[in-house]
């Protein structure tokens, strides 16, 4: 049974599978991705390299999300704790601490969502060393969008700060689209309740009913 079916917290797949070989293979495949990007850029230009890179990472993200859902069950993204767990688990499936340093934290505004904060990323180091950082379009949202598609969940994921464009960290805000819809509906209901309702004087309404009856 999956963690979702048993009601127990998901076990991070990386904890069970991680060893020296998987760490090395993961790094080599990311090195392949970097060399592939450079090859496409050299032959067809950086705009094409950015476009294909985003498409490829979204595809991989969907496969990773689908694998995780089949193993652990579909997460309850209305729960910030469950959302944090799945994002941290999938992040560690695709990278390790030597490649990318990141953590999740509650929404600083007190909302239902969470933040992913990345303080160091190997891709930016490699691009800087290859003098390809300028003009590079980060495919992070495409990759993360693939995760959520593969998981079969509906969330709103935004990039609020990016080291590539001068930010001190990369910062993503993620929350359940269902929770956002509930908040919006509640706000609209409260607005309707506070708006004044125009009413007709009793005499005017009565006269209009009589005129309608005669016609």
Protein backbone atom coordinates (compact mmCIF):
# COMPACT_ATOMS: atom_id res chain seq x y z
CA UNK A 1 0.00 0.00 0.00
CA UNK A 2 1.11 3.55 -0.62
CA UNK A 3 1.75 6.11 2.09
CA UNK A 4 -1.38 7.96 0.94
CA UNK A 5 -3.53 4.83 1.39
CA UNK A 6 -2.16 3.99 4.84
CA UNK A 7 -2.31 7.58 6.06
CA UNK A 8 1.34 7.39 7.14
CA UNK A 9 3.92 10.05 6.23
CA UNK A 10 5.73 9.35 2.97
CA UNK A 11 9.17 7.82 3.29
CA UNK A 12 11.72 9.68 1.23
CA UNK A 13 12.73 7.33 -1.61
CA UNK A 14 16.23 8.78 -1.67
CA UNK A 15 16.89 7.61 1.89
CA UNK A 16 16.25 4.03 0.82
CA UNK A 17 18.03 4.16 -2.53
CA UNK A 18 20.94 6.56 -2.05
CA UNK A 19 24.47 5.17 -2.23
CA UNK A 20 27.80 6.11 -3.76
CA UNK A 21 26.88 4.66 -7.15
CA UNK A 22 23.55 6.50 -7.47
CA UNK A 23 25.23 9.76 -6.44
CA UNK A 24 27.88 9.32 -9.13
CA UNK A 25 25.38 8.30 -11.83
CA UNK A 26 23.17 11.28 -11.04
CA UNK A 27 26.09 13.68 -11.39
CA UNK A 28 27.24 12.08 -14.65
CA UNK A 29 23.79 12.37 -16.18
CA UNK A 30 23.59 16.02 -15.22
CA UNK A 31 27.04 16.46 -16.81
CA UNK A 32 25.60 14.88 -19.96
CA UNK A 33 22.73 17.37 -19.83
CA UNK A 34 25.18 20.27 -19.56
CA UNK A 35 27.28 19.09 -22.53
CA UNK A 36 24.12 18.50 -24.55
CA UNK A 37 22.97 22.08 -23.86
CA UNK A 38 26.34 23.44 -24.95
CA UNK A 39 26.22 21.38 -28.16
CA UNK A 40 22.76 22.62 -29.10
CA UNK A 41 23.76 26.19 -28.33
CA UNK A 42 26.88 25.96 -30.50
CA UNK A 43 25.03 24.53 -33.50
CA UNK A 44 21.62 26.21 -33.32
CA UNK A 45 21.92 29.16 -30.92
CA UNK A 46 21.05 29.75 -27.30
CA UNK A 47 17.37 30.49 -27.91
CA UNK A 48 16.86 27.01 -29.36
CA UNK A 49 18.97 25.46 -26.58
CA UNK A 50 16.81 27.17 -23.95
CA UNK A 51 13.59 26.02 -25.61
CA UNK A 52 14.61 22.37 -25.97
CA UNK A 53 16.15 22.32 -22.50
CA UNK A 54 12.84 23.44 -20.96
CA UNK A 55 10.89 20.84 -22.97
CA UNK A 56 13.25 18.04 -21.96
CA UNK A 57 13.23 18.92 -18.27
CA UNK A 58 9.43 19.16 -18.20
CA UNK A 59 9.29 15.67 -19.71
CA UNK A 60 11.75 14.31 -17.15
CA UNK A 61 9.89 16.13 -14.36
CA UNK A 62 6.62 14.41 -15.36
CA UNK A 63 8.29 11.00 -15.27
CA UNK A 64 9.82 11.67 -11.85
CA UNK A 65 6.49 12.94 -10.47
CA UNK A 66 4.64 9.93 -11.86
CA UNK A 67 7.22 7.54 -10.37
CA UNK A 68 6.91 9.20 -6.98
CA UNK A 69 3.07 9.09 -7.07
CA UNK A 70 3.11 5.39 -7.97
CA UNK A 71 5.48 4.68 -5.10
CA UNK A 72 4.14 6.99 -2.38
CA UNK A 73 0.63 7.93 -3.50
CA UNK A 74 -0.76 11.28 -4.62
CA UNK A 75 0.09 13.91 -1.98
CA UNK A 76 -2.50 16.10 -0.29
CA UNK A 77 -1.22 19.44 -1.55
CA UNK A 78 -3.77 21.31 0.56
CA UNK A 79 -1.55 20.31 3.48
CA UNK A 80 1.60 22.47 3.64
CA UNK A 81 3.40 19.63 5.44
CA UNK A 82 2.61 17.14 2.68
CA UNK A 83 3.58 19.69 0.02
CA UNK A 84 6.93 20.31 1.72
CA UNK A 85 7.57 16.58 2.01
CA UNK A 86 6.98 15.83 -1.66
CA UNK A 87 9.01 18.80 -2.93
CA UNK A 88 11.96 17.96 -0.69
CA UNK A 89 11.81 14.28 -1.67
CA UNK A 90 11.67 14.89 -5.41
CA UNK A 91 14.40 17.54 -5.19
CA UNK A 92 16.71 14.99 -3.56
CA UNK A 93 15.78 12.40 -6.20
CA UNK A 94 17.15 14.65 -8.91
CA UNK A 95 20.07 16.29 -7.08
CA UNK A 96 22.06 16.01 -3.86
CA UNK A 97 23.44 18.53 -1.39
CA UNK A 98 26.75 18.80 -3.24
CA UNK A 99 24.93 19.81 -6.42
CA UNK A 100 22.19 22.02 -5.01
CA UNK A 101 21.60 23.42 -1.54
CA UNK A 102 17.95 24.14 -0.81
CA UNK A 103 15.31 24.00 1.88
CA UNK A 104 11.58 24.58 2.25
CA UNK A 105 9.91 26.91 4.71
CA UNK A 106 6.42 28.18 5.54
CA UNK A 107 4.91 31.06 3.61
CA UNK A 108 6.36 34.22 5.25
CA UNK A 109 3.00 35.95 4.73
CA UNK A 110 1.24 33.27 6.78
CA UNK A 111 -0.62 31.78 3.83
CA UNK A 112 -1.34 28.13 3.07
CA UNK A 113 1.59 27.74 0.68
CA UNK A 114 5.28 27.07 1.18
CA UNK A 115 8.54 28.44 -0.17
CA UNK A 116 11.47 26.57 -1.69
CA UNK A 117 14.71 28.49 -1.19
CA UNK A 118 17.79 27.54 -3.23
CA UNK A 119 21.07 29.04 -2.02
CA UNK A 120 23.48 27.25 -4.37
CA UNK A 121 22.96 25.54 -7.73
CA UNK A 122 25.48 23.53 -9.72
CA UNK A 123 23.96 24.52 -13.08
CA UNK A 124 24.74 28.18 -12.50
CA UNK A 125 28.33 27.33 -11.56
CA UNK A 126 28.77 25.26 -14.72
CA UNK A 127 27.19 27.86 -16.97
CA UNK A 128 29.34 30.58 -15.47
CA UNK A 129 32.47 28.50 -16.04
CA UNK A 130 31.41 27.85 -19.65
CA UNK A 131 30.63 31.56 -20.16
CA UNK A 132 27.06 30.71 -21.10
CA UNK A 133 25.24 32.23 -18.14
CA UNK A 134 24.17 35.36 -19.99
CA UNK A 135 21.16 34.55 -22.12
CA UNK A 136 20.40 31.32 -20.26
CA UNK A 137 16.71 30.83 -19.42
CA UNK A 138 16.28 28.85 -16.23
CA UNK A 139 13.94 25.87 -16.87
CA UNK A 140 13.12 25.46 -13.17
CA UNK A 141 9.41 26.24 -13.49
CA UNK A 142 9.09 23.85 -16.43
CA UNK A 143 10.79 21.05 -14.49
CA UNK A 144 8.72 21.70 -11.36
CA UNK A 145 5.57 21.97 -13.48
CA UNK A 146 6.39 18.51 -14.81
CA UNK A 147 6.64 17.22 -11.22
CA UNK A 148 3.15 18.41 -10.38
CA UNK A 149 1.68 17.11 -13.64
CA UNK A 150 3.22 13.70 -12.97
CA UNK A 151 1.92 13.74 -9.41
CA UNK A 152 -1.55 14.59 -10.69
CA UNK A 153 -1.99 17.62 -8.44
CA UNK A 154 -3.16 21.16 -9.17
CA UNK A 155 -0.88 23.78 -7.65
CA UNK A 156 0.20 27.34 -8.34
CA UNK A 157 3.99 27.57 -8.52
CA UNK A 158 5.75 30.94 -8.92
CA UNK A 159 9.38 32.02 -9.17
CA UNK A 160 9.70 35.06 -6.91
CA UNK A 161 13.49 35.47 -6.91
CA UNK A 162 16.25 34.10 -9.16
CA UNK A 163 20.03 34.05 -8.76
CA UNK A 164 20.40 34.03 -12.54
CA UNK A 165 18.83 37.50 -12.73
CA UNK A 166 20.59 38.98 -9.71
CA UNK A 167 18.71 37.58 -6.72
CA UNK A 168 20.56 36.48 -3.61
CA UNK A 169 18.70 33.14 -3.74
CA UNK A 170 16.21 31.35 -5.97
CA UNK A 171 12.80 31.43 -4.30
CA UNK A 172 9.66 29.56 -5.36
CA UNK A 173 6.20 29.95 -3.85
CA UNK A 174 3.92 26.93 -4.13
CA UNK A 175 0.36 26.43 -2.94
CA UNK A 176 -2.64 24.32 -3.73
CA UNK A 177 -4.84 25.82 -6.44
CA UNK A 178 -7.85 24.42 -4.58
CA UNK A 179 -6.89 26.28 -1.42
CA UNK A 180 -6.44 29.47 -3.42
CA UNK A 181 -9.90 29.03 -4.98
CA UNK A 182 -11.46 28.62 -1.52
CA UNK A 183 -9.75 31.79 -0.28
CA UNK A 184 -10.93 33.71 -3.36
CA UNK A 185 -14.50 32.47 -2.96
CA UNK A 186 -14.52 33.39 0.73
CA UNK A 187 -13.25 36.89 -0.08
CA UNK A 188 -15.93 37.35 -2.75
CA UNK A 189 -18.64 36.14 -0.36
CA UNK A 190 -17.47 38.54 2.34
CA UNK A 191 -17.45 41.38 -0.19
CA UNK A 192 -21.03 40.61 -1.24
CA UNK A 193 -22.17 40.58 2.36
CA UNK A 194 -20.71 44.01 3.05
CA UNK A 195 -21.98 45.69 -0.14
CA UNK A 196 -25.15 47.75 0.40
CA UNK A 197 -28.27 46.31 -1.20
CA UNK A 198 -30.52 48.82 -2.94
CA UNK A 199 -34.17 48.45 -2.01
CA UNK A 200 -37.27 50.14 -3.35
CA UNK A 201 -39.70 51.98 -1.12
CA UNK A 202 -42.76 49.85 -0.36
CA UNK A 203 -45.08 52.29 -2.17
CA UNK A 204 -42.99 52.29 -5.36
CA UNK A 205 -42.73 48.50 -5.46
CA UNK A 206 -46.46 48.12 -4.91
CA UNK A 207 -47.29 50.58 -7.68
CA UNK A 208 -44.97 48.77 -10.10
CA UNK A 209 -46.67 45.44 -9.35
CA UNK A 210 -50.11 46.92 -9.98
CA UNK A 211 -48.97 48.43 -13.28
CA UNK A 212 -47.46 45.10 -14.35
CA UNK A 213 -50.74 43.32 -13.48
CA UNK A 214 -52.83 45.78 -15.55
CA UNK A 215 -50.60 45.30 -18.58
